[in-house]
Amino acid sequence: MRGSLSVPIRALLTLAVTTGWFCPVWAQEWQLNASASHFYMQTVKANSIFEVHQFTGLDGSISRDGDASVKIDLTSVVSGIDVRDVRMRFLLFETYKFPYAEITAKLDMAALQALLTTTRITYPLKIKVALHGVTQDIETAVTVTRLGDKSVSVVSVKPIVVTTDAFGLTPSIAKLSDAINGSVIATGATFTFDLLFESGDKIPALRAAHDENEKRKIAAENAPISAEACETPFDVISTAGAVHFKASSAELDTGSDAFCKVLLISPTVAPRSKSRSRVTPTRSAPKMQTFSSPSSGHTPSSNSCRNAASPPRASKRPAMATRGPSHRTIRKPIGPKTAASNSAC
C-alpha cells in the first residue's frame, strides 16, 4: 500500500512545483499596466470648487526582492480644460525643471504571501515621494487584490492628503492664484490611485507599449507647432515670468529655452500642424510681443518660442519688464486674453 501511494504523491509534488503552487506569488517581476491604471489629484479653489486632475503618463515595476517604484509624468496632467492643464504644469509643478514625480517603496514579500489563500488584503504601505526636488516619507494603507495568477491591483484605501509646504509648492500656488485673478486655492490636495501590475508572459507586451509611448512623446517634441497651438502656452508665459535672455545676447538663457520647449510640446495643447515646416502665423493668428536685445536689436534666435510664434524681426517696442541689467522677462502677448484663459485654472 505504501509503495502504491508513492508514485501519485511524487506526481502531485512535481505538478505543484511546475505550476507554481509552492512558489511565492510575489517572487517574480511585476510591470505596471499603464493603460489600465489611474492616478488622480483632487484640488479646491474659491473655497467650494472641486477639481479632479488625472496623470495619464505612468510607469512602474516591482522587482523580485520587493523594490517597487511608480514614475509619474507631470506633463501628462489632464483636467478637461486646456489652459488649466498648462497652468498646472508650468505654474504649479514647474515641469520645465521637475518633469516627474516618483514613488518608491520596499514591500514585505512575506506579508504578501497571504494572497496565496485569499484574494484581497489590506497592506500598510510606507512610501517615499520625490516631487519638485523634495523627498518625503508618507504612510498609507492600500488594498491589494489578486485578480489572477499574473495580475494584481493596488488601490488606495482613502485619499492621501499632501500639503504644498511639504514639497516647496506654496510659492507656485501663489502664482497659480495670481493667474486666476487672485482666487483662493487650497494649499493642499488629495491623491488617489488604482494600479494594475502584471507578470509572466504579459511583461514583454507591457514594455513594448511603454517603448511605443516614449517614441510618440519624442515625435511630439519634434513635431512642428502651429500658431494656434501657441496661444495658450504664451498666455501662461505671460504669467510665469520665467523667460529671460542671456546676458548681452538675443538668445534665451538655458532655463528659459527649456521652459519654452516643454511648454510648447504640452500634450493637451491644440493639435499640431501636419506640415513638415513650421507654420508662420496668419492675420487671424494671435500676435505675440517680441523684444529686442540692447546689444543686437533682434528677437531671440533659433529657439522654440520664437520659431513657433513668428519669423525674426526687430522690435520697435521696449521690453515690458526687466530683471537685473541683463535679463528681461516676457510678460504679455499683444491682444486680449480669451474667455477661457480668464476664467479657468
C-alpha atoms as a PDB file:
ATOM      1  CA  MET A   1       0.000   0.000   0.000  1.00  0.00           C
ATOM      2  CA  ARG A   2       2.823   2.377   0.938  1.00  0.00           C
ATOM      3  CA  GLY A   3       4.583   1.734  -2.375  1.00  0.00           C
ATOM      4  CA  SER A   4       1.398   2.226  -4.362  1.00  0.00           C
ATOM      5  CA  LEU A   5       0.925   5.721  -2.861  1.00  0.00           C
ATOM      6  CA  SER A   6       4.477   6.915  -3.510  1.00  0.00           C
ATOM      7  CA  VAL A   7       4.031   7.364  -7.262  1.00  0.00           C
ATOM      8  CA  PRO A   8       0.865   9.528  -7.055  1.00  0.00           C
ATOM      9  CA  ILE A   9       2.437  11.658  -4.293  1.00  0.00           C
ATOM     10  CA  ARG A  10       5.594  12.230  -6.314  1.00  0.00           C
ATOM     11  CA  ALA A  11       3.479  13.138  -9.327  1.00  0.00           C
ATOM     12  CA  LEU A  12       1.439  15.595  -7.245  1.00  0.00           C
ATOM     13  CA  LEU A  13       4.568  17.233  -5.853  1.00  0.00           C
ATOM     14  CA  THR A  14       6.008  17.575  -9.349  1.00  0.00           C
ATOM     15  CA  LEU A  15       2.784  19.192 -10.544  1.00  0.00           C
ATOM     16  CA  ALA A  16       2.770  21.597  -7.596  1.00  0.00           C
ATOM     17  CA  VAL A  17       6.311  22.798  -8.281  1.00  0.00           C
ATOM     18  CA  THR A  18       5.861  23.155 -12.049  1.00  0.00           C
ATOM     19  CA  THR A  19       2.578  25.060 -11.756  1.00  0.00           C
ATOM     20  CA  GLY A  20       3.843  27.393  -9.040  1.00  0.00           C
ATOM     21  CA  TRP A  21       1.741  26.171  -6.098  1.00  0.00           C
ATOM     22  CA  PHE A  22       4.758  26.269  -3.794  1.00  0.00           C
ATOM     23  CA  CYS A  23       6.402  29.274  -5.403  1.00  0.00           C
ATOM     24  CA  PRO A  24       5.958  32.648  -3.628  1.00  0.00           C
ATOM     25  CA  VAL A  25       3.350  34.609  -5.574  1.00  0.00           C
ATOM     26  CA  TRP A  26       5.423  37.800  -5.346  1.00  0.00           C
ATOM     27  CA  ALA A  27       8.840  36.274  -6.003  1.00  0.00           C
ATOM     28  CA  GLN A  28       8.831  37.462  -9.602  1.00  0.00           C
ATOM     29  CA  GLU A  29       8.944  40.696 -11.564  1.00  0.00           C
ATOM     30  CA  TRP A  30       5.818  42.783 -11.992  1.00  0.00           C
ATOM     31  CA  GLN A  31       5.207  45.526 -14.536  1.00  0.00           C
ATOM     32  CA  LEU A  32       2.655  48.327 -14.312  1.00  0.00           C
ATOM     33  CA  ASN A  33      -0.091  48.182 -16.922  1.00  0.00           C
ATOM     34  CA  ALA A  34      -0.217  51.940 -17.544  1.00  0.00           C
ATOM     35  CA  SER A  35      -3.260  51.875 -19.825  1.00  0.00           C
ATOM     36  CA  ALA A  36      -5.344  50.127 -17.137  1.00  0.00           C
ATOM     37  CA  SER A  37      -4.038  52.197 -14.190  1.00  0.00           C
ATOM     38  CA  HIS A  38      -5.238  55.541 -12.854  1.00  0.00           C
ATOM     39  CA  PHE A  39      -3.683  58.245 -10.685  1.00  0.00           C
ATOM     40  CA  TYR A  40      -5.811  61.229  -9.604  1.00  0.00           C
ATOM     41  CA  MET A  41      -5.320  64.527  -7.791  1.00  0.00           C
ATOM     42  CA  GLN A  42      -8.204  66.487  -6.272  1.00  0.00           C
ATOM     43  CA  THR A  43      -7.883  70.235  -5.567  1.00  0.00           C
ATOM     44  CA  VAL A  44     -10.139  73.009  -4.251  1.00  0.00           C
ATOM     45  CA  LYS A  45     -10.327  76.665  -5.276  1.00  0.00           C
ATOM     46  CA  ALA A  46     -12.576  79.574  -4.253  1.00  0.00           C
ATOM     47  CA  ASN A  47     -13.419  77.553  -1.097  1.00  0.00           C
ATOM     48  CA  SER A  48     -16.044  75.413  -2.820  1.00  0.00           C
ATOM     49  CA  ILE A  49     -14.970  74.462  -6.361  1.00  0.00           C
ATOM     50  CA  PHE A  50     -13.586  70.925  -6.503  1.00  0.00           C
ATOM     51  CA  GLU A  51     -11.437  69.932  -9.484  1.00  0.00           C
ATOM     52  CA  VAL A  52     -10.167  66.487 -10.465  1.00  0.00           C
ATOM     53  CA  HIS A  53      -6.919  66.019 -12.378  1.00  0.00           C
ATOM     54  CA  GLN A  54      -5.601  62.761 -13.820  1.00  0.00           C
ATOM     55  CA  PHE A  55      -1.999  61.882 -14.624  1.00  0.00           C
ATOM     56  CA  THR A  56      -2.016  59.664 -17.690  1.00  0.00           C
ATOM     57  CA  GLY A  57       1.748  59.175 -18.022  1.00  0.00           C
ATOM     58  CA  LEU A  58       2.597  56.341 -15.633  1.00  0.00           C
ATOM     59  CA  ASP A  59       5.414  53.800 -15.480  1.00  0.00           C
ATOM     60  CA  GLY A  60       6.184  51.331 -12.723  1.00  0.00           C
ATOM     61  CA  SER A  61       7.539  47.972 -11.674  1.00  0.00           C
ATOM     62  CA  ILE A  62       8.111  45.645  -8.708  1.00  0.00           C
ATOM     63  CA  SER A  63      11.292  43.593  -8.506  1.00  0.00           C
ATOM     64  CA  ARG A  64      11.632  40.045  -7.185  1.00  0.00           C
ATOM     65  CA  ASP A  65      13.052  41.485  -3.953  1.00  0.00           C
ATOM     66  CA  GLY A  66      10.084  43.807  -3.386  1.00  0.00           C
ATOM     67  CA  ASP A  67      11.561  47.085  -4.667  1.00  0.00           C
ATOM     68  CA  ALA A  68       8.550  48.950  -6.039  1.00  0.00           C
ATOM     69  CA  SER A  69       8.513  52.201  -7.991  1.00  0.00           C
ATOM     70  CA  VAL A  70       5.943  54.275  -9.873  1.00  0.00           C
ATOM     71  CA  LYS A  71       7.053  57.202 -12.031  1.00  0.00           C
ATOM     72  CA  ILE A  72       4.527  59.934 -12.853  1.00  0.00           C
ATOM     73  CA  ASP A  73       4.955  62.221 -15.861  1.00  0.00           C
ATOM     74  CA  LEU A  74       3.668  65.550 -14.505  1.00  0.00           C
ATOM     75  CA  THR A  75       3.310  66.960 -18.015  1.00  0.00           C
ATOM     76  CA  SER A  76       0.561  64.402 -18.574  1.00  0.00           C
ATOM     77  CA  VAL A  77      -1.863  66.095 -16.145  1.00  0.00           C
ATOM     78  CA  VAL A  78      -5.359  66.314 -17.637  1.00  0.00           C
ATOM     79  CA  SER A  79      -8.351  68.116 -16.120  1.00  0.00           C
ATOM     80  CA  GLY A  80     -10.529  68.665 -19.169  1.00  0.00           C
ATOM     81  CA  ILE A  81      -9.642  72.370 -19.544  1.00  0.00           C
ATOM     82  CA  ASP A  82      -6.598  73.131 -21.665  1.00  0.00           C
ATOM     83  CA  VAL A  83      -5.480  76.388 -20.059  1.00  0.00           C
ATOM     84  CA  ARG A  84      -5.854  74.878 -16.581  1.00  0.00           C
ATOM     85  CA  ASP A  85      -3.639  71.946 -17.587  1.00  0.00           C
ATOM     86  CA  VAL A  86      -0.943  74.274 -18.932  1.00  0.00           C
ATOM     87  CA  ARG A  87      -1.008  76.350 -15.759  1.00  0.00           C
ATOM     88  CA  MET A  88      -0.802  73.273 -13.560  1.00  0.00           C
ATOM     89  CA  ARG A  89       2.222  72.032 -15.489  1.00  0.00           C
ATOM     90  CA  PHE A  90       4.203  75.247 -15.510  1.00  0.00           C
ATOM     91  CA  LEU A  91       2.975  77.460 -12.694  1.00  0.00           C
ATOM     92  CA  LEU A  92       2.421  74.750 -10.081  1.00  0.00           C
ATOM     93  CA  PHE A  93       4.688  71.789 -10.871  1.00  0.00           C
ATOM     94  CA  GLU A  94       7.258  73.750 -12.921  1.00  0.00           C
ATOM     95  CA  THR A  95       7.693  70.761 -15.180  1.00  0.00           C
ATOM     96  CA  TYR A  96      10.389  72.527 -17.207  1.00  0.00           C
ATOM     97  CA  LYS A  97      12.577  71.920 -14.118  1.00  0.00           C
ATOM     98  CA  PHE A  98      10.836  68.973 -12.407  1.00  0.00           C
ATOM     99  CA  PRO A  99       9.088  66.869 -15.095  1.00  0.00           C
ATOM    100  CA  TYR A 100       8.484  63.768 -12.966  1.00  0.00           C
ATOM    101  CA  ALA A 101       7.320  62.661  -9.560  1.00  0.00           C
ATOM    102  CA  GLU A 102       8.447  59.255  -8.300  1.00  0.00           C
ATOM    103  CA  ILE A 103       7.052  56.961  -5.630  1.00  0.00           C
ATOM    104  CA  THR A 104       9.236  54.173  -4.232  1.00  0.00           C
ATOM    105  CA  ALA A 105       8.648  51.538  -1.559  1.00  0.00           C
ATOM    106  CA  LYS A 106      10.156  48.367  -0.118  1.00  0.00           C
ATOM    107  CA  LEU A 107       7.471  45.686   0.062  1.00  0.00           C
ATOM    108  CA  ASP A 108       7.316  42.956   2.714  1.00  0.00           C
ATOM    109  CA  MET A 109       7.124  39.934   0.440  1.00  0.00           C
ATOM    110  CA  ALA A 110       6.338  37.558   3.325  1.00  0.00           C
ATOM    111  CA  ALA A 111       3.262  39.573   4.320  1.00  0.00           C
ATOM    112  CA  LEU A 112       2.008  39.489   0.747  1.00  0.00           C
ATOM    113  CA  GLN A 113       2.027  35.684   0.749  1.00  0.00           C
ATOM    114  CA  ALA A 114      -1.440  35.919   2.281  1.00  0.00           C
ATOM    115  CA  LEU A 115      -2.632  36.389  -1.295  1.00  0.00           C
ATOM    116  CA  LEU A 116      -1.989  32.674  -1.787  1.00  0.00           C
ATOM    117  CA  THR A 117      -5.017  31.845   0.350  1.00  0.00           C
ATOM    118  CA  THR A 118      -7.212  34.937  -0.072  1.00  0.00           C
ATOM    119  CA  THR A 119      -7.989  37.282  -2.925  1.00  0.00           C
ATOM    120  CA  ARG A 120      -7.732  40.588  -1.077  1.00  0.00           C
ATOM    121  CA  ILE A 121      -5.680  42.052   1.771  1.00  0.00           C
ATOM    122  CA  THR A 122      -5.134  45.490   3.301  1.00  0.00           C
ATOM    123  CA  TYR A 123      -1.442  46.337   3.331  1.00  0.00           C
ATOM    124  CA  PRO A 124       0.233  49.185   5.338  1.00  0.00           C
ATOM    125  CA  LEU A 125       2.434  50.903   2.783  1.00  0.00           C
ATOM    126  CA  LYS A 126       5.392  53.157   3.577  1.00  0.00           C
ATOM    127  CA  ILE A 127       6.439  55.155   0.532  1.00  0.00           C
ATOM    128  CA  LYS A 128       8.987  57.786  -0.407  1.00  0.00           C
ATOM    129  CA  VAL A 129       7.623  60.528  -2.669  1.00  0.00           C
ATOM    130  CA  ALA A 130      10.045  62.637  -4.722  1.00  0.00           C
ATOM    131  CA  LEU A 131       8.325  65.753  -6.063  1.00  0.00           C
ATOM    132  CA  HIS A 132       9.537  69.222  -7.043  1.00  0.00           C
ATOM    133  CA  GLY A 133      13.052  68.467  -5.833  1.00  0.00           C
ATOM    134  CA  VAL A 134      11.914  67.334  -2.362  1.00  0.00           C
ATOM    135  CA  THR A 135      11.586  63.795  -0.959  1.00  0.00           C
ATOM    136  CA  GLN A 136       9.144  62.983   1.839  1.00  0.00           C
ATOM    137  CA  ASP A 137       8.074  59.792   3.635  1.00  0.00           C
ATOM    138  CA  ILE A 138       4.360  59.034   3.621  1.00  0.00           C
ATOM    139  CA  GLU A 139       2.423  56.190   5.227  1.00  0.00           C
ATOM    140  CA  THR A 140      -0.865  54.993   3.783  1.00  0.00           C
ATOM    141  CA  ALA A 141      -2.946  51.834   3.502  1.00  0.00           C
ATOM    142  CA  VAL A 142      -3.642  50.103   0.200  1.00  0.00           C
ATOM    143  CA  THR A 143      -5.875  47.253  -0.832  1.00  0.00           C
ATOM    144  CA  VAL A 144      -4.055  44.556  -2.792  1.00  0.00           C
ATOM    145  CA  THR A 145      -6.295  42.250  -4.797  1.00  0.00           C
ATOM    146  CA  ARG A 146      -5.232  39.082  -6.617  1.00  0.00           C
ATOM    147  CA  LEU A 147      -7.069  39.184  -9.937  1.00  0.00           C
ATOM    148  CA  GLY A 148      -5.370  36.081 -11.293  1.00  0.00           C
ATOM    149  CA  ASP A 149      -2.071  34.224 -11.327  1.00  0.00           C
ATOM    150  CA  LYS A 150      -0.436  37.079 -13.269  1.00  0.00           C
ATOM    151  CA  SER A 151      -2.425  40.162 -12.257  1.00  0.00           C
ATOM    152  CA  VAL A 152      -2.816  42.143  -9.031  1.00  0.00           C
ATOM    153  CA  SER A 153      -4.353  45.540  -8.340  1.00  0.00           C
ATOM    154  CA  VAL A 154      -3.136  48.071  -5.774  1.00  0.00           C
ATOM    155  CA  VAL A 155      -5.730  50.663  -4.719  1.00  0.00           C
ATOM    156  CA  SER A 156      -5.526  53.472  -2.168  1.00  0.00           C
ATOM    157  CA  VAL A 157      -7.846  52.800   0.781  1.00  0.00           C
ATOM    158  CA  LYS A 158      -8.554  56.507   1.289  1.00  0.00           C
ATOM    159  CA  PRO A 159      -7.354  59.800  -0.234  1.00  0.00           C
ATOM    160  CA  ILE A 160      -3.779  60.749   0.633  1.00  0.00           C
ATOM    161  CA  VAL A 161      -3.529  64.363   1.844  1.00  0.00           C
ATOM    162  CA  VAL A 162      -0.440  66.281   0.697  1.00  0.00           C
ATOM    163  CA  THR A 163       0.277  69.920   1.633  1.00  0.00           C
ATOM    164  CA  THR A 164       2.120  72.346  -0.618  1.00  0.00           C
ATOM    165  CA  ASP A 165       4.581  73.223   2.168  1.00  0.00           C
ATOM    166  CA  ALA A 166       5.802  69.629   2.273  1.00  0.00           C
ATOM    167  CA  PHE A 167       7.168  69.877  -1.274  1.00  0.00           C
ATOM    168  CA  GLY A 168       8.006  73.569  -1.607  1.00  0.00           C
ATOM    169  CA  LEU A 169       4.959  74.288  -3.773  1.00  0.00           C
ATOM    170  CA  THR A 170       3.456  77.177  -1.789  1.00  0.00           C
ATOM    171  CA  PRO A 171       5.091  79.897  -3.993  1.00  0.00           C
ATOM    172  CA  SER A 172       3.751  78.042  -7.034  1.00  0.00           C
ATOM    173  CA  ILE A 173       0.249  78.131  -5.557  1.00  0.00           C
ATOM    174  CA  ALA A 174       0.620  81.907  -5.255  1.00  0.00           C
ATOM    175  CA  LYS A 175       1.498  82.139  -8.963  1.00  0.00           C
ATOM    176  CA  LEU A 176      -1.461  79.948  -9.831  1.00  0.00           C
ATOM    177  CA  SER A 177      -3.762  82.149  -7.768  1.00  0.00           C
ATOM    178  CA  ASP A 178      -2.472  85.308  -9.458  1.00  0.00           C
ATOM    179  CA  ALA A 179      -3.203  83.739 -12.846  1.00  0.00           C
ATOM    180  CA  ILE A 180      -6.904  83.412 -11.964  1.00  0.00           C
ATOM    181  CA  ASN A 181      -7.412  86.921 -10.619  1.00  0.00           C
ATOM    182  CA  GLY A 182      -6.446  86.111  -7.045  1.00  0.00           C
ATOM    183  CA  SER A 183      -8.922  83.306  -6.403  1.00  0.00           C
ATOM    184  CA  VAL A 184      -8.069  81.391  -3.241  1.00  0.00           C
ATOM    185  CA  ILE A 185      -6.562  77.949  -3.877  1.00  0.00           C
ATOM    186  CA  ALA A 186      -6.288  75.425  -1.054  1.00  0.00           C
ATOM    187  CA  THR A 187      -2.670  74.762  -0.052  1.00  0.00           C
ATOM    188  CA  GLY A 188      -3.206  71.026  -0.080  1.00  0.00           C
ATOM    189  CA  ALA A 189      -4.519  68.317  -2.349  1.00  0.00           C
ATOM    190  CA  THR A 190      -5.620  64.707  -2.093  1.00  0.00           C
ATOM    191  CA  PHE A 191      -4.369  61.833  -4.231  1.00  0.00           C
ATOM    192  CA  THR A 192      -5.992  58.510  -5.059  1.00  0.00           C
ATOM    193  CA  PHE A 193      -4.895  55.690  -7.334  1.00  0.00           C
ATOM    194  CA  ASP A 194      -5.729  52.265  -8.643  1.00  0.00           C
ATOM    195  CA  LEU A 195      -2.797  50.479 -10.237  1.00  0.00           C
ATOM    196  CA  LEU A 196      -2.690  47.201 -12.145  1.00  0.00           C
ATOM    197  CA  PHE A 197       0.514  45.144 -12.085  1.00  0.00           C
ATOM    198  CA  GLU A 198       1.053  42.100 -14.272  1.00  0.00           C
ATOM    199  CA  SER A 199       3.766  39.455 -14.543  1.00  0.00           C
ATOM    200  CA  GLY A 200       4.973  36.472 -16.542  1.00  0.00           C
ATOM    201  CA  ASP A 201       4.368  36.448 -20.267  1.00  0.00           C
ATOM    202  CA  LYS A 202       2.419  39.726 -20.064  1.00  0.00           C
ATOM    203  CA  ILE A 203       5.550  41.765 -19.320  1.00  0.00           C
ATOM    204  CA  PRO A 204       7.010  41.877 -22.890  1.00  0.00           C
ATOM    205  CA  ALA A 205       3.805  43.383 -24.288  1.00  0.00           C
ATOM    206  CA  LEU A 206       3.645  45.956 -21.482  1.00  0.00           C
ATOM    207  CA  ARG A 207       7.255  47.007 -22.054  1.00  0.00           C
ATOM    208  CA  ALA A 208       6.657  47.232 -25.785  1.00  0.00           C
ATOM    209  CA  ALA A 209       3.664  49.503 -25.159  1.00  0.00           C
ATOM    210  CA  HIS A 210       5.792  51.681 -22.885  1.00  0.00           C
ATOM    211  CA  ASP A 211       8.517  51.986 -25.535  1.00  0.00           C
ATOM    212  CA  GLU A 212       5.910  52.904 -28.162  1.00  0.00           C
ATOM    213  CA  ASN A 213       4.544  55.644 -25.901  1.00  0.00           C
ATOM    214  CA  GLU A 214       8.046  57.026 -25.452  1.00  0.00           C
ATOM    215  CA  LYS A 215       8.509  57.131 -29.229  1.00  0.00           C
ATOM    216  CA  ARG A 216       5.249  59.028 -29.644  1.00  0.00           C
ATOM    217  CA  LYS A 217       6.311  61.503 -26.977  1.00  0.00           C
ATOM    218  CA  ILE A 218       9.643  62.142 -28.703  1.00  0.00           C
ATOM    219  CA  ALA A 219       7.843  62.560 -32.032  1.00  0.00           C
ATOM    220  CA  ALA A 220       5.525  65.131 -30.446  1.00  0.00           C
ATOM    221  CA  GLU A 221       8.508  67.019 -29.061  1.00  0.00           C
ATOM    222  CA  ASN A 222       9.981  67.334 -32.543  1.00  0.00           C
ATOM    223  CA  ALA A 223       6.753  67.985 -34.425  1.00  0.00           C
ATOM    224  CA  PRO A 224       6.049  71.436 -35.928  1.00  0.00           C
ATOM    225  CA  ILE A 225       3.760  73.647 -33.873  1.00  0.00           C
ATOM    226  CA  SER A 226       1.036  75.849 -35.337  1.00  0.00           C
ATOM    227  CA  ALA A 227       0.437  79.430 -34.281  1.00  0.00           C
ATOM    228  CA  GLU A 228      -2.914  78.402 -32.825  1.00  0.00           C
ATOM    229  CA  ALA A 229      -1.184  75.872 -30.595  1.00  0.00           C
ATOM    230  CA  CYS A 230       0.996  78.633 -29.167  1.00  0.00           C
ATOM    231  CA  GLU A 231      -1.816  80.840 -27.919  1.00  0.00           C
ATOM    232  CA  THR A 232      -2.470  79.152 -24.579  1.00  0.00           C
ATOM    233  CA  PRO A 233       1.205  78.447 -23.740  1.00  0.00           C
ATOM    234  CA  PHE A 234       2.212  82.045 -24.458  1.00  0.00           C
ATOM    235  CA  ASP A 235      -0.619  83.243 -22.262  1.00  0.00           C
ATOM    236  CA  VAL A 236       0.886  81.160 -19.448  1.00  0.00           C
ATOM    237  CA  ILE A 237       4.359  82.549 -20.187  1.00  0.00           C
ATOM    238  CA  SER A 238       2.877  85.986 -19.577  1.00  0.00           C
ATOM    239  CA  THR A 239       2.017  84.949 -16.026  1.00  0.00           C
ATOM    240  CA  ALA A 240       5.027  82.747 -15.277  1.00  0.00           C
ATOM    241  CA  GLY A 241       7.697  85.403 -15.684  1.00  0.00           C
ATOM    242  CA  ALA A 242      10.130  82.577 -16.360  1.00  0.00           C
ATOM    243  CA  VAL A 243      11.614  83.594 -19.714  1.00  0.00           C
ATOM    244  CA  HIS A 244      14.840  85.586 -19.814  1.00  0.00           C
ATOM    245  CA  PHE A 245      17.593  86.418 -22.309  1.00  0.00           C
ATOM    246  CA  LYS A 246      21.249  85.615 -21.880  1.00  0.00           C
ATOM    247  CA  ALA A 247      23.469  88.462 -20.767  1.00  0.00           C
ATOM    248  CA  SER A 248      24.181  90.820 -23.710  1.00  0.00           C
ATOM    249  CA  SER A 249      22.538  88.390 -26.084  1.00  0.00           C
ATOM    250  CA  ALA A 250      19.360  87.962 -28.110  1.00  0.00           C
ATOM    251  CA  GLU A 251      19.178  84.253 -27.262  1.00  0.00           C
ATOM    252  CA  LEU A 252      17.155  82.718 -24.457  1.00  0.00           C
ATOM    253  CA  ASP A 253      19.077  81.527 -21.420  1.00  0.00           C
ATOM    254  CA  THR A 254      19.224  77.793 -20.708  1.00  0.00           C
ATOM    255  CA  GLY A 255      16.351  77.707 -18.240  1.00  0.00           C
ATOM    256  CA  SER A 256      14.084  79.813 -20.435  1.00  0.00           C
ATOM    257  CA  ASP A 257      14.786  77.713 -23.516  1.00  0.00           C
ATOM    258  CA  ALA A 258      13.884  74.550 -21.582  1.00  0.00           C
ATOM    259  CA  PHE A 259      10.730  76.258 -20.294  1.00  0.00           C
ATOM    260  CA  CYS A 260       9.613  77.217 -23.797  1.00  0.00           C
ATOM    261  CA  LYS A 261      10.398  73.873 -25.393  1.00  0.00           C
ATOM    262  CA  VAL A 262       8.482  71.912 -22.771  1.00  0.00           C
ATOM    263  CA  LEU A 263       5.644  74.438 -22.755  1.00  0.00           C
ATOM    264  CA  LEU A 264       5.108  74.298 -26.484  1.00  0.00           C
ATOM    265  CA  ILE A 265       5.037  70.484 -26.693  1.00  0.00           C
ATOM    266  CA  SER A 266       2.475  70.013 -23.936  1.00  0.00           C
ATOM    267  CA  PRO A 267       0.314  67.031 -24.935  1.00  0.00           C
ATOM    268  CA  THR A 268      -3.074  68.687 -24.395  1.00  0.00           C
ATOM    269  CA  VAL A 269      -2.376  71.937 -26.205  1.00  0.00           C
ATOM    270  CA  ALA A 270      -4.082  72.374 -29.583  1.00  0.00           C
ATOM    271  CA  PRO A 271      -3.334  69.810 -32.348  1.00  0.00           C
ATOM    272  CA  ARG A 272      -0.080  70.241 -34.243  1.00  0.00           C
ATOM    273  CA  SER A 273       0.127  71.087 -37.892  1.00  0.00           C
ATOM    274  CA  LYS A 274       0.767  68.123 -40.178  1.00  0.00           C
ATOM    275  CA  SER A 275       3.157  70.193 -42.271  1.00  0.00           C
ATOM    276  CA  ARG A 276       6.824  69.356 -42.013  1.00  0.00           C
ATOM    277  CA  SER A 277       7.778  73.031 -41.806  1.00  0.00           C
ATOM    278  CA  ARG A 278       6.883  75.429 -39.046  1.00  0.00           C
ATOM    279  CA  VAL A 279       3.770  77.481 -39.620  1.00  0.00           C
ATOM    280  CA  THR A 280       4.050  81.274 -39.783  1.00  0.00           C
ATOM    281  CA  PRO A 281       1.098  82.968 -38.060  1.00  0.00           C
ATOM    282  CA  THR A 282      -1.569  84.363 -40.363  1.00  0.00           C
ATOM    283  CA  ARG A 283      -3.504  87.565 -39.774  1.00  0.00           C
ATOM    284  CA  SER A 284      -6.069  85.677 -37.742  1.00  0.00           C
ATOM    285  CA  ALA A 285      -3.460  84.065 -35.511  1.00  0.00           C
ATOM    286  CA  PRO A 286      -2.621  85.581 -32.095  1.00  0.00           C
ATOM    287  CA  LYS A 287       0.089  88.217 -32.186  1.00  0.00           C
ATOM    288  CA  MET A 288       2.986  87.797 -29.789  1.00  0.00           C
ATOM    289  CA  GLN A 289       5.057  90.636 -28.366  1.00  0.00           C
ATOM    290  CA  THR A 290       8.691  90.476 -29.493  1.00  0.00           C
ATOM    291  CA  PHE A 291      11.584  92.044 -27.627  1.00  0.00           C
ATOM    292  CA  SER A 292      14.896  93.449 -28.721  1.00  0.00           C
ATOM    293  CA  SER A 293      18.213  92.880 -27.028  1.00  0.00           C
ATOM    294  CA  PRO A 294      20.174  96.025 -26.079  1.00  0.00           C
ATOM    295  CA  SER A 295      23.235  94.636 -27.818  1.00  0.00           C
ATOM    296  CA  SER A 296      21.757  93.285 -31.023  1.00  0.00           C
ATOM    297  CA  GLY A 297      18.285  94.699 -31.628  1.00  0.00           C
ATOM    298  CA  HIS A 298      16.966  91.303 -32.767  1.00  0.00           C
ATOM    299  CA  THR A 299      14.412  88.902 -31.429  1.00  0.00           C
ATOM    300  CA  PRO A 300      15.643  85.612 -29.894  1.00  0.00           C
ATOM    301  CA  SER A 301      17.372  83.428 -32.441  1.00  0.00           C
ATOM    302  CA  SER A 302      16.542  79.810 -33.315  1.00  0.00           C
ATOM    303  CA  ASN A 303      14.677  78.853 -30.144  1.00  0.00           C
ATOM    304  CA  SER A 304      11.328  77.120 -29.827  1.00  0.00           C
ATOM    305  CA  CYS A 305       9.399  80.173 -28.638  1.00  0.00           C
ATOM    306  CA  ARG A 306      10.478  82.390 -31.478  1.00  0.00           C
ATOM    307  CA  ASN A 307      10.176  79.730 -34.151  1.00  0.00           C
ATOM    308  CA  ALA A 308       6.648  78.851 -33.181  1.00  0.00           C
ATOM    309  CA  ALA A 309       5.491  82.447 -32.941  1.00  0.00           C
ATOM    310  CA  SER A 310       6.956  84.415 -35.845  1.00  0.00           C
ATOM    311  CA  PRO A 311       9.976  84.892 -38.112  1.00  0.00           C
ATOM    312  CA  PRO A 312      12.822  87.139 -36.883  1.00  0.00           C
ATOM    313  CA  ARG A 313      12.113  90.848 -36.862  1.00  0.00           C
ATOM    314  CA  ALA A 314      13.387  93.874 -34.999  1.00  0.00           C
ATOM    315  CA  SER A 315      11.173  95.144 -32.228  1.00  0.00           C
ATOM    316  CA  LYS A 316      10.194  98.801 -32.083  1.00  0.00           C
ATOM    317  CA  ARG A 317       8.809  98.494 -28.569  1.00  0.00           C
ATOM    318  CA  PRO A 318      10.880  98.332 -25.368  1.00  0.00           C
ATOM    319  CA  ALA A 319      10.809  95.352 -23.065  1.00  0.00           C
ATOM    320  CA  MET A 320       7.845  95.447 -20.697  1.00  0.00           C
ATOM    321  CA  ALA A 321       9.731  94.149 -17.657  1.00  0.00           C
ATOM    322  CA  THR A 322      13.328  93.756 -16.558  1.00  0.00           C
ATOM    323  CA  ARG A 323      15.105  91.550 -14.100  1.00  0.00           C
ATOM    324  CA  GLY A 324      18.597  92.856 -13.482  1.00  0.00           C
ATOM    325  CA  PRO A 325      20.766  94.615 -16.076  1.00  0.00           C
ATOM    326  CA  SER A 326      20.939  91.692 -18.480  1.00  0.00           C
ATOM    327  CA  HIS A 327      17.707  89.712 -18.032  1.00  0.00           C
ATOM    328  CA  ARG A 328      14.310  90.677 -19.375  1.00  0.00           C
ATOM    329  CA  THR A 329      11.080  88.871 -18.666  1.00  0.00           C
ATOM    330  CA  ILE A 330       8.425  88.256 -21.302  1.00  0.00           C
ATOM    331  CA  ARG A 331       5.251  89.386 -19.666  1.00  0.00           C
ATOM    332  CA  LYS A 332       2.359  89.604 -22.060  1.00  0.00           C
ATOM    333  CA  PRO A 333       1.200  88.860 -25.609  1.00  0.00           C
ATOM    334  CA  ILE A 334      -0.432  91.609 -27.623  1.00  0.00           C
ATOM    335  CA  GLY A 335      -4.195  91.376 -27.745  1.00  0.00           C
ATOM    336  CA  PRO A 336      -6.933  90.402 -25.289  1.00  0.00           C
ATOM    337  CA  LYS A 337      -6.971  87.120 -23.436  1.00  0.00           C
ATOM    338  CA  THR A 338      -9.575  84.559 -24.311  1.00  0.00           C
ATOM    339  CA  ALA A 339     -12.537  83.990 -22.037  1.00  0.00           C
ATOM    340  CA  ALA A 340     -11.220  80.553 -21.133  1.00  0.00           C
ATOM    341  CA  SER A 341      -7.841  81.910 -20.028  1.00  0.00           C
ATOM    342  CA  ASN A 342      -9.540  84.416 -17.731  1.00  0.00           C
ATOM    343  CA  SER A 343     -11.939  82.010 -16.083  1.00  0.00           C
ATOM    344  CA  ALA A 344     -10.254  78.614 -15.889  1.00  0.00           C
ATOM    345  CA  CYS A 345      -7.454  77.487 -13.636  1.00  0.00           C
END
